[in-house]
Protein backbone atom coordinates (compact mmCIF):
# COMPACT_ATOMS: atom_id res chain seq x y z
CA MET A 1 0.00 0.00 0.00
CA ASN A 2 1.07 3.60 -0.57
CA PHE A 3 0.26 6.49 1.73
CA ALA A 4 -2.94 7.47 -0.08
CA GLU A 5 -4.24 3.89 0.10
CA VAL A 6 -3.43 3.66 3.80
CA LYS A 7 -5.27 6.90 4.55
CA SER A 8 -8.27 5.73 2.58
CA ALA A 9 -8.36 2.38 4.39
CA LEU A 10 -8.30 4.08 7.80
CA GLY A 11 -11.75 5.47 7.04
CA THR A 12 -13.38 2.12 6.25
CA ASP A 13 -15.91 0.55 8.60
CA SER A 14 -13.76 -2.53 9.21
CA ILE A 15 -10.73 -0.55 10.35
CA ARG A 16 -12.81 1.83 12.45
CA SER A 17 -14.40 -1.21 14.09
CA MET A 18 -10.95 -2.67 14.82
CA LEU A 19 -9.79 0.60 16.37
CA GLN A 20 -12.84 0.87 18.59
CA ASN A 21 -13.45 -2.75 19.59
CA ASP A 22 -10.04 -4.43 19.48
CA LEU A 23 -7.84 -1.48 20.44
CA ALA A 24 -10.29 0.37 22.75
CA ALA A 25 -9.51 3.58 20.87
CA ASP A 26 -11.63 6.46 19.66
CA PRO A 27 -11.66 5.81 15.89
CA ASP A 28 -11.62 9.49 14.96
CA ALA A 29 -8.81 10.38 17.36
CA ALA A 30 -6.80 7.32 16.32
CA ALA A 31 -7.19 8.12 12.62
CA LYS A 32 -6.12 11.72 13.26
CA ARG A 33 -2.96 10.52 15.03
CA LEU A 34 -2.17 8.06 12.27
CA PHE A 35 -2.73 10.65 9.52
CA ALA A 36 -0.23 12.94 11.27
CA LEU A 37 2.24 10.07 11.60
CA ILE A 38 1.91 9.21 7.91
CA ASP A 39 2.52 12.83 6.93
CA ARG A 40 5.58 12.92 9.16
CA PHE A 41 6.92 9.72 7.59
CA ARG A 42 6.51 11.23 4.12
CA ARG A 43 8.39 14.37 5.17
CA GLU A 44 11.29 12.48 6.73
CA TYR A 45 11.63 9.41 4.51
CA GLY A 46 9.82 10.30 1.30
CA GLU A 47 7.13 8.59 -0.75
CA ARG A 48 7.15 4.81 -0.33
CA ASP A 49 5.27 1.68 -1.27
CA GLY A 50 4.73 -1.34 0.96
CA VAL A 51 3.57 0.85 3.84
CA SER A 52 2.16 -0.88 6.92
CA VAL A 53 0.72 0.42 10.20
CA TYR A 54 0.97 -1.13 13.68
CA SER A 55 -0.38 -0.61 17.17
CA ILE A 56 1.15 -2.03 20.36
CA SER A 57 -0.51 -1.69 23.75
CA GLY A 58 0.94 -0.55 27.01
CA ARG A 59 0.20 -2.66 30.02
CA THR A 60 -0.91 -2.45 33.60
CA GLU A 61 0.03 -5.01 36.21
CA LEU A 62 -2.91 -6.00 38.40
CA CYS A 63 -1.29 -8.48 40.77
CA GLY A 64 2.03 -10.31 41.03
CA ASN A 65 4.36 -7.39 41.66
CA HIS A 66 7.98 -8.44 40.97
CA THR A 67 7.33 -12.17 40.76
CA ASP A 68 7.88 -13.03 37.09
CA HIS A 69 11.68 -12.97 37.31
CA ASN A 70 11.53 -15.78 39.90
CA ALA A 71 9.15 -17.96 37.85
CA GLY A 72 6.10 -16.71 39.71
CA LEU A 73 2.52 -15.87 38.82
CA VAL A 74 1.19 -12.52 37.64
CA MET A 75 -2.01 -10.92 36.44
CA ALA A 76 -1.74 -8.12 33.91
CA ALA A 77 -3.76 -6.32 31.29
CA ALA A 78 -3.20 -4.48 28.04
CA VAL A 79 -4.46 -0.89 28.14
CA ASN A 80 -5.36 1.74 25.58
CA ALA A 81 -2.16 3.70 26.02
CA GLU A 82 -0.40 2.56 22.88
CA LEU A 83 2.45 2.93 20.44
CA TYR A 84 1.63 3.52 16.77
CA ALA A 85 4.14 2.85 14.00
CA VAL A 86 4.10 3.67 10.29
CA VAL A 87 6.62 1.48 8.48
CA ALA A 88 8.11 0.87 5.04
CA PRO A 89 10.71 -1.80 4.14
CA ARG A 90 14.23 -1.13 2.87
CA ARG A 91 16.67 -3.46 1.11
CA ASP A 92 20.02 -2.77 2.80
CA GLY A 93 19.21 -4.34 6.19
CA VAL A 94 19.47 -1.03 8.04
CA ILE A 95 16.72 -0.23 10.55
CA ARG A 96 15.87 3.43 11.06
CA VAL A 97 13.35 4.33 13.75
CA HIS A 98 12.39 7.88 14.62
CA SER A 99 10.21 7.99 17.71
CA VAL A 100 8.41 11.32 17.96
CA GLY A 101 10.06 13.42 20.63
CA HIS A 102 13.36 11.54 20.44
CA ARG A 103 16.32 11.38 18.11
CA GLU A 104 16.38 8.95 15.21
CA ASP A 105 18.02 5.57 15.83
CA VAL A 106 19.94 4.08 12.90
CA VAL A 107 20.95 0.45 13.47
CA PRO A 108 23.06 -1.32 10.81
CA PRO A 109 22.98 -5.14 10.66
CA GLU A 110 26.37 -5.58 12.33
CA ARG A 111 25.10 -3.85 15.49
CA SER A 112 23.16 -7.03 16.28
CA ASN A 113 26.24 -9.25 16.42
CA ALA A 114 26.72 -8.84 20.18
CA PRO A 115 25.58 -6.61 23.06
CA ASP A 116 27.53 -3.38 23.52
CA PRO A 117 27.57 -2.06 27.12
CA LYS A 118 28.31 1.41 25.74
CA ARG A 119 24.83 1.35 24.16
CA TYR A 120 22.91 0.05 27.19
CA PHE A 121 19.61 1.78 27.95
CA THR A 122 19.14 3.10 24.41
CA ALA A 123 16.40 2.43 21.88
CA GLY A 124 19.06 1.38 19.38
CA ALA A 125 20.14 -1.39 21.74
CA LEU A 126 16.57 -2.72 21.86
CA ILE A 127 16.36 -2.73 18.06
CA ALA A 128 19.66 -4.59 17.78
CA GLY A 129 18.59 -7.03 20.47
CA MET A 130 15.28 -7.84 18.78
CA ARG A 131 17.01 -8.51 15.46
CA ARG A 132 19.54 -10.75 17.26
CA ALA A 133 16.72 -12.69 18.91
CA PHE A 134 15.11 -13.34 15.49
CA LEU A 135 18.43 -14.50 14.05
CA ASP A 136 19.12 -16.79 17.00
CA ARG A 137 15.85 -18.58 16.27
CA GLY A 138 16.63 -18.95 12.58
CA LEU A 139 13.97 -16.40 11.63
CA PRO A 140 14.45 -14.02 8.69
CA VAL A 141 15.03 -10.32 9.30
CA CYS A 142 15.01 -7.21 7.13
CA GLY A 143 15.61 -3.50 7.18
CA PHE A 144 12.90 -0.89 7.48
CA ASP A 145 12.16 2.75 8.20
CA ALA A 146 9.63 3.56 10.91
CA ILE A 147 8.08 6.59 12.52
CA THR A 148 6.57 5.82 15.93
CA GLU A 149 4.43 7.87 18.26
CA SER A 150 3.52 6.68 21.73
CA THR A 151 1.06 7.54 24.47
CA VAL A 152 2.91 5.08 26.73
CA PRO A 153 4.97 7.66 28.62
CA SER A 154 8.37 6.72 30.02
CA GLY A 155 8.30 6.40 33.80
CA SER A 156 4.54 5.79 33.96
CA GLY A 157 4.83 2.08 34.71
CA LEU A 158 2.90 1.28 31.52
CA SER A 159 6.02 -0.32 30.03
CA SER A 160 7.15 2.00 27.28
CA SER A 161 10.27 -0.10 26.65
CA ALA A 162 8.28 -3.34 26.39
CA ALA A 163 5.84 -1.74 23.94
CA PHE A 164 8.76 -0.55 21.82
CA GLU A 165 10.47 -3.97 21.84
CA VAL A 166 7.24 -5.75 20.95
CA ALA A 167 6.66 -3.21 18.17
CA ILE A 168 10.04 -3.99 16.60
CA GLY A 169 9.34 -7.72 16.86
CA THR A 170 5.86 -7.36 15.37
CA ILE A 171 7.22 -5.32 12.45
CA LEU A 172 9.98 -7.87 11.76
CA SER A 173 7.45 -10.69 11.95
CA HIS A 174 5.18 -9.14 9.34
CA LEU A 175 7.84 -7.71 7.03
CA ALA A 176 10.25 -10.67 7.07
CA ALA A 177 8.45 -13.72 8.47
CA GLY A 178 4.96 -13.50 6.99
CA GLY A 179 3.39 -12.44 10.27
CA LYS A 180 3.71 -15.98 11.58
CA VAL A 181 5.71 -15.35 14.76
CA PRO A 182 3.34 -15.87 17.74
CA ALA A 183 2.79 -12.98 20.10
CA THR A 184 4.11 -15.07 23.00
CA GLU A 185 7.39 -15.70 21.12
CA ILE A 186 7.75 -12.01 20.29
CA ALA A 187 7.39 -11.32 24.02
CA LYS A 188 10.15 -13.78 24.89
CA MET A 189 12.47 -12.21 22.33
CA ALA A 190 11.66 -8.76 23.71
CA GLN A 191 12.70 -9.87 27.19
CA GLU A 192 15.96 -11.24 25.79
CA ALA A 193 16.63 -7.94 24.03
CA GLU A 194 16.05 -5.97 27.22
CA ASN A 195 18.16 -8.34 29.35
CA LYS A 196 21.11 -8.77 27.00
CA PHE A 197 21.29 -5.66 24.82
CA PHE A 198 19.55 -3.02 26.96
CA GLY A 199 21.17 -4.09 30.23
CA LYS A 200 18.02 -4.39 32.36
CA PRO A 201 17.38 -7.75 34.09
CA CYS A 202 13.60 -7.60 33.74
CA GLY A 203 11.15 -10.48 33.88
CA LEU A 204 8.75 -11.44 31.10
CA MET A 205 5.47 -10.03 32.37
CA ASP A 206 5.63 -6.59 30.72
CA GLN A 207 6.39 -7.92 27.26
CA MET A 208 3.83 -10.72 27.49
CA ALA A 209 1.02 -8.38 28.52
CA CYS A 210 1.84 -5.88 25.75
CA ALA A 211 2.01 -8.64 23.15
CA VAL A 212 -1.01 -10.79 24.07
CA GLY A 213 -3.69 -8.27 25.08
CA GLY A 214 -6.74 -8.38 27.36
CA ILE A 215 -6.54 -9.42 31.02
CA ILE A 216 -4.35 -12.46 31.45
CA ALA A 217 -3.00 -14.53 34.31
CA ILE A 218 0.47 -15.86 33.55
CA ASP A 219 2.27 -18.73 35.23
CA PHE A 220 6.02 -18.49 34.61
CA ALA A 221 6.98 -21.82 36.21
CA ASP A 222 8.41 -22.75 32.80
CA ALA A 223 9.59 -19.48 31.30
CA ALA A 224 10.00 -21.13 27.91
CA LYS A 225 6.34 -22.14 27.94
CA PRO A 226 4.41 -19.79 30.22
CA ILE A 227 0.82 -20.78 30.90
CA ILE A 228 -1.51 -17.95 29.90
CA THR A 229 -5.08 -17.83 31.17
CA PRO A 230 -7.27 -15.19 29.44
CA LEU A 231 -9.86 -13.70 31.78
CA SER A 232 -13.12 -12.16 30.62
CA PHE A 233 -13.46 -9.32 33.10
CA SER A 234 -13.66 -5.55 32.94
CA PRO A 235 -13.63 -3.23 35.98
CA ARG A 236 -15.44 -0.63 33.87
CA ASP A 237 -18.34 -3.05 33.37
CA GLU A 238 -18.54 -3.28 37.17
CA GLY A 239 -18.70 0.51 37.63
CA TYR A 240 -15.03 1.29 38.25
CA GLU A 241 -12.59 3.48 36.35
CA LEU A 242 -8.88 2.68 36.17
CA VAL A 243 -7.00 5.90 36.98
CA LEU A 244 -3.23 6.14 36.76
CA THR A 245 -1.50 8.99 38.59
CA THR A 246 2.04 9.90 37.55
CA THR A 247 3.85 11.25 40.61
CA GLY A 248 7.07 12.42 39.01
CA GLY A 249 10.55 11.02 39.37
CA SER A 250 12.68 9.29 36.78
CA HIS A 251 13.43 5.59 36.28
CA SER A 252 16.75 6.38 34.64
CA ASP A 253 18.94 5.97 37.73
CA LEU A 254 17.06 3.10 39.35
CA GLN A 255 18.60 0.13 37.54
CA ALA A 256 20.44 -1.02 40.67
CA ASP A 257 17.21 -0.90 42.69
CA TYR A 258 15.35 -2.96 40.09
CA ALA A 259 18.20 -5.45 39.79
CA ALA A 260 18.36 -5.92 43.56
CA VAL A 261 14.82 -7.32 43.73
CA PRO A 262 15.35 -10.48 41.64
CA ALA A 263 18.90 -10.84 42.94
CA GLU A 264 17.80 -10.81 46.58
CA MET A 265 14.96 -13.23 45.93
CA LYS A 266 17.35 -15.58 44.16
CA SER A 267 19.84 -15.30 47.04
CA VAL A 268 17.17 -16.78 49.32
CA ALA A 269 16.41 -19.51 46.78
CA ALA A 270 20.11 -20.39 46.63
CA LEU A 271 20.11 -21.24 50.34
CA PHE A 272 17.69 -24.05 49.50
CA GLY A 273 19.78 -25.20 46.54
CA CYS A 274 17.30 -23.69 44.10
CA ARG A 275 17.68 -21.33 41.15
CA VAL A 276 14.54 -19.24 41.76
CA LEU A 277 12.03 -18.87 44.57
CA ARG A 278 9.32 -20.75 42.68
CA GLU A 279 11.33 -23.92 43.25
CA VAL A 280 11.32 -23.40 47.04
CA ASP A 281 8.57 -24.94 49.21
CA PRO A 282 6.92 -22.00 51.03
CA ALA A 283 6.40 -24.12 54.14
CA LYS A 284 10.10 -24.99 54.29
CA PHE A 285 10.98 -21.34 53.77
CA HIS A 286 8.89 -20.22 56.75
CA GLU A 287 10.21 -23.07 58.89
CA ALA A 288 13.79 -22.04 58.09
CA LEU A 289 13.36 -18.32 58.88
CA PRO A 290 15.52 -18.39 62.06
CA THR A 291 18.46 -19.88 60.16
CA LEU A 292 18.09 -17.60 57.14
CA ARG A 293 18.81 -14.42 59.10
CA GLY A 294 22.47 -13.54 58.86
CA LYS A 295 22.93 -15.57 55.69
CA VAL A 296 20.95 -13.07 53.63
CA SER A 297 19.63 -9.62 54.45
CA ASP A 298 16.34 -9.14 56.26
CA ARG A 299 15.09 -7.26 53.18
CA ALA A 300 15.78 -10.33 51.04
CA ILE A 301 13.71 -12.44 53.46
CA LEU A 302 10.85 -9.92 53.38
CA ARG A 303 10.92 -9.85 49.58
CA ALA A 304 10.75 -13.65 49.52
CA MET A 305 7.71 -13.53 51.82
CA HIS A 306 6.10 -11.09 49.39
CA PHE A 307 6.82 -13.45 46.49
CA PHE A 308 5.07 -16.43 48.08
CA ASP A 309 2.08 -14.35 49.19
CA GLU A 310 1.70 -12.72 45.76
CA ASN A 311 1.59 -16.12 44.07
CA ASP A 312 -1.25 -17.13 46.40
CA ARG A 313 -3.08 -13.89 45.62
CA VAL A 314 -2.83 -14.42 41.86
CA ARG A 315 -4.14 -17.97 42.19
CA ALA A 316 -7.07 -16.87 44.32
CA LEU A 317 -7.92 -13.89 42.11
CA THR A 318 -7.76 -15.96 38.92
CA ALA A 319 -10.23 -18.43 40.41
CA ALA A 320 -12.49 -15.60 41.61
CA LEU A 321 -12.59 -13.85 38.23
CA GLU A 322 -13.63 -17.07 36.54
CA GLN A 323 -16.79 -17.11 38.68
CA PRO A 324 -19.93 -15.09 37.89
CA ALA A 325 -20.55 -13.70 41.38
CA GLY A 326 -18.49 -11.60 43.76
CA ARG A 327 -15.75 -10.89 41.25
CA MET A 328 -15.38 -7.17 41.85
CA ASP A 329 -15.21 -7.50 45.62
CA ALA A 330 -12.45 -10.11 45.27
CA PHE A 331 -10.65 -7.95 42.72
CA LEU A 332 -10.61 -4.82 44.90
CA LYS A 333 -9.58 -6.74 48.01
CA THR A 334 -6.68 -8.39 46.16
CA ILE A 335 -5.47 -5.09 44.66
CA ARG A 336 -5.34 -3.53 48.12
CA GLU A 337 -3.53 -6.53 49.61
CA SER A 338 -0.99 -6.62 46.79
CA GLY A 339 -0.31 -2.92 47.23
CA ALA A 340 0.16 -3.25 50.97
CA SER A 341 2.58 -6.14 50.50
CA SER A 342 4.58 -4.20 47.91
CA ALA A 343 4.95 -1.32 50.34
CA ALA A 344 5.78 -3.29 53.49
CA LEU A 345 7.58 -6.40 52.24
CA LEU A 346 8.80 -5.80 48.70
CA GLN A 347 9.69 -2.20 49.60
CA ASN A 348 9.55 -0.66 46.12
CA ILE A 349 7.53 2.45 46.88
CA TYR A 350 10.52 4.80 46.86
CA ALA A 351 14.19 4.52 45.99
CA PRO A 352 16.40 3.75 49.01
CA GLY A 353 18.98 6.20 47.71
CA HIS A 354 16.44 9.04 47.52
CA PRO A 355 14.47 8.90 50.79
CA ASN A 356 13.36 12.52 50.45
CA GLU A 357 11.55 11.79 47.17
CA GLN A 358 8.44 9.82 48.07
CA GLY A 359 5.85 10.88 45.53
CA MET A 360 4.42 7.37 45.21
CA THR A 361 4.10 7.01 48.99
CA LEU A 362 2.24 10.29 49.11
CA ALA A 363 -0.04 9.28 46.22
CA LEU A 364 -0.89 5.99 47.91
CA ALA A 365 -1.64 7.73 51.20
CA LEU A 366 -3.92 10.22 49.43
CA SER A 367 -5.63 7.42 47.51
CA GLU A 368 -6.37 5.56 50.74
CA ARG A 369 -7.77 8.73 52.29
CA LEU A 370 -10.00 9.37 49.27
CA LEU A 371 -11.10 5.83 48.45
CA ALA A 372 -11.12 3.70 51.59
CA ARG A 373 -14.72 4.66 52.42
CA ARG A 374 -15.83 4.58 48.79
CA GLY A 375 -14.94 0.94 48.08
CA GLY A 376 -11.99 1.59 45.75
CA ALA A 377 -8.53 0.06 45.55
CA TRP A 378 -5.00 1.44 45.07
CA ARG A 379 -1.47 0.12 44.71
CA VAL A 380 1.98 0.73 43.26
CA HIS A 381 2.02 0.55 39.49
CA GLY A 382 4.69 -1.37 37.61
CA GLY A 383 8.22 -1.85 38.86
CA GLY A 384 8.00 0.91 41.44
CA PHE A 385 10.65 3.04 43.17
CA ALA A 386 9.39 6.04 41.16
CA GLY A 387 6.62 6.75 38.69
CA ALA A 388 2.94 6.05 39.08
CA VAL A 389 0.21 4.51 41.20
CA GLN A 390 -2.97 2.91 39.96
CA ALA A 391 -6.42 3.16 41.47
CA PHE A 392 -9.78 1.61 40.71
CA VAL A 393 -12.28 4.34 41.46
CA PRO A 394 -16.10 4.11 41.59
CA PHE A 395 -17.65 6.14 38.79
CA ASP A 396 -19.30 8.56 41.24
CA ALA A 397 -15.94 9.32 42.89
CA VAL A 398 -13.76 9.74 39.81
CA ASN A 399 -14.06 13.51 39.43
CA GLU A 400 -13.33 14.12 43.11
CA TYR A 401 -10.38 11.72 43.02
CA VAL A 402 -8.82 13.21 39.90
CA THR A 403 -9.32 16.77 41.14
CA GLU A 404 -7.55 16.11 44.43
CA MET A 405 -4.70 14.07 42.94
CA GLU A 406 -4.04 16.70 40.28
CA ARG A 407 -4.18 19.44 42.92
CA VAL A 408 -1.17 17.75 44.52
CA PHE A 409 0.68 16.27 41.53
CA GLY A 410 -0.19 18.79 38.85
CA LYS A 411 -2.72 19.18 36.08
CA GLY A 412 -2.65 16.21 33.73
CA ALA A 413 -1.06 13.87 36.30
CA CYS A 414 -4.08 11.56 36.19
CA ARG A 415 -4.99 9.40 33.25
CA ARG A 416 -8.15 7.34 32.77
CA LEU A 417 -7.50 4.06 31.00
CA SER A 418 -9.45 1.17 29.51
CA ILE A 419 -8.54 -2.49 29.20
CA ARG A 420 -7.63 -3.21 25.57
CA PRO A 421 -8.63 -6.60 24.14
CA ALA A 422 -5.81 -6.80 21.54
CA GLY A 423 -2.06 -6.74 22.08
CA CYS A 424 0.41 -6.38 19.21
CA THR A 425 -1.61 -5.61 16.09
CA ARG A 426 -0.98 -4.82 12.45
CA ILE A 427 -3.76 -2.39 11.57
CA LEU A 428 -2.95 -2.27 7.84
């Protein structure tokens, strides 16, 4: 397709239906964004044929905070904060990606030969890592030019890096591999890219939620073959709005804090001769508590306690959401319990090195004050230490909640989100 054909197709009933029903987007607003992105592509890269358009969701974690990296259980959902990409192939193997608001990344084929620590934490490293992951699986790759524009803001806990990785994998799948690479495999490759080329030892939950879509429970006991349970549930259908409040603070200097969480959990597992905490019997762990102290830090023990309790919460919530009655009560109760455990045991509400910067702690305290009597729920969002909190707010309390949170954290700090049924999607 050329640009004129793409623009024409965006106005058809079938595409508008996809935007509204599969991507939980306003069709008119989405088309306006995509038209602007197409025009920008034309200005920067010229007229092209073979144009394709993609949408990748952000994600929200519902339960299972920091458990995936130790083969635990999580519950997550795709949301309608998304990354759009307009793409055209090129023949020289070079990948050029210009994300709106950032500099262009130009990644030649040789950049994917091996990770380069000098390029850690850059978009170019993620591109190189995704191409390497395709090659390692014997999958074909190609070059392309892309303009991307994202409403998955960095530092929001909606997983902007995971959405970007999954976007690169989805583009490579469709341009080079006939669109046949499963979303779950793209997610695994995205995790590899982030671990090896980007330098962040993340788990697999973010990428899997962005790639698969909807609300899903994921069991990572076998990371190579995670068990995914789709759940037909929507808080909005039950009268609750998902509101994300960005509290400020950057994730850029928190890599050591993130890395310490899986490392400390695994240090406890090692005392039992195990690789990850999932392999440890919770009963034996609790029995051994007196002998664990002094061998690992108390914080490592507390984080292990959080891990075991979170797994139980995900199991219980998955079972509850599969039942027709009492689902919302169970959902809200679990969200609150997960948030309390993250604060007290996991301890990822603020960065230990910045004790004077506790925006998330303040946001959680305000949320409790505003919602405890209204039947809502609140908790840390995403990896924590800085960024955002999520709240499930009754419809009749949303305006009051948003007004008060934005009075403290600034106009535009709150964002209302919807669960998005589809994950990584080629629109055209």
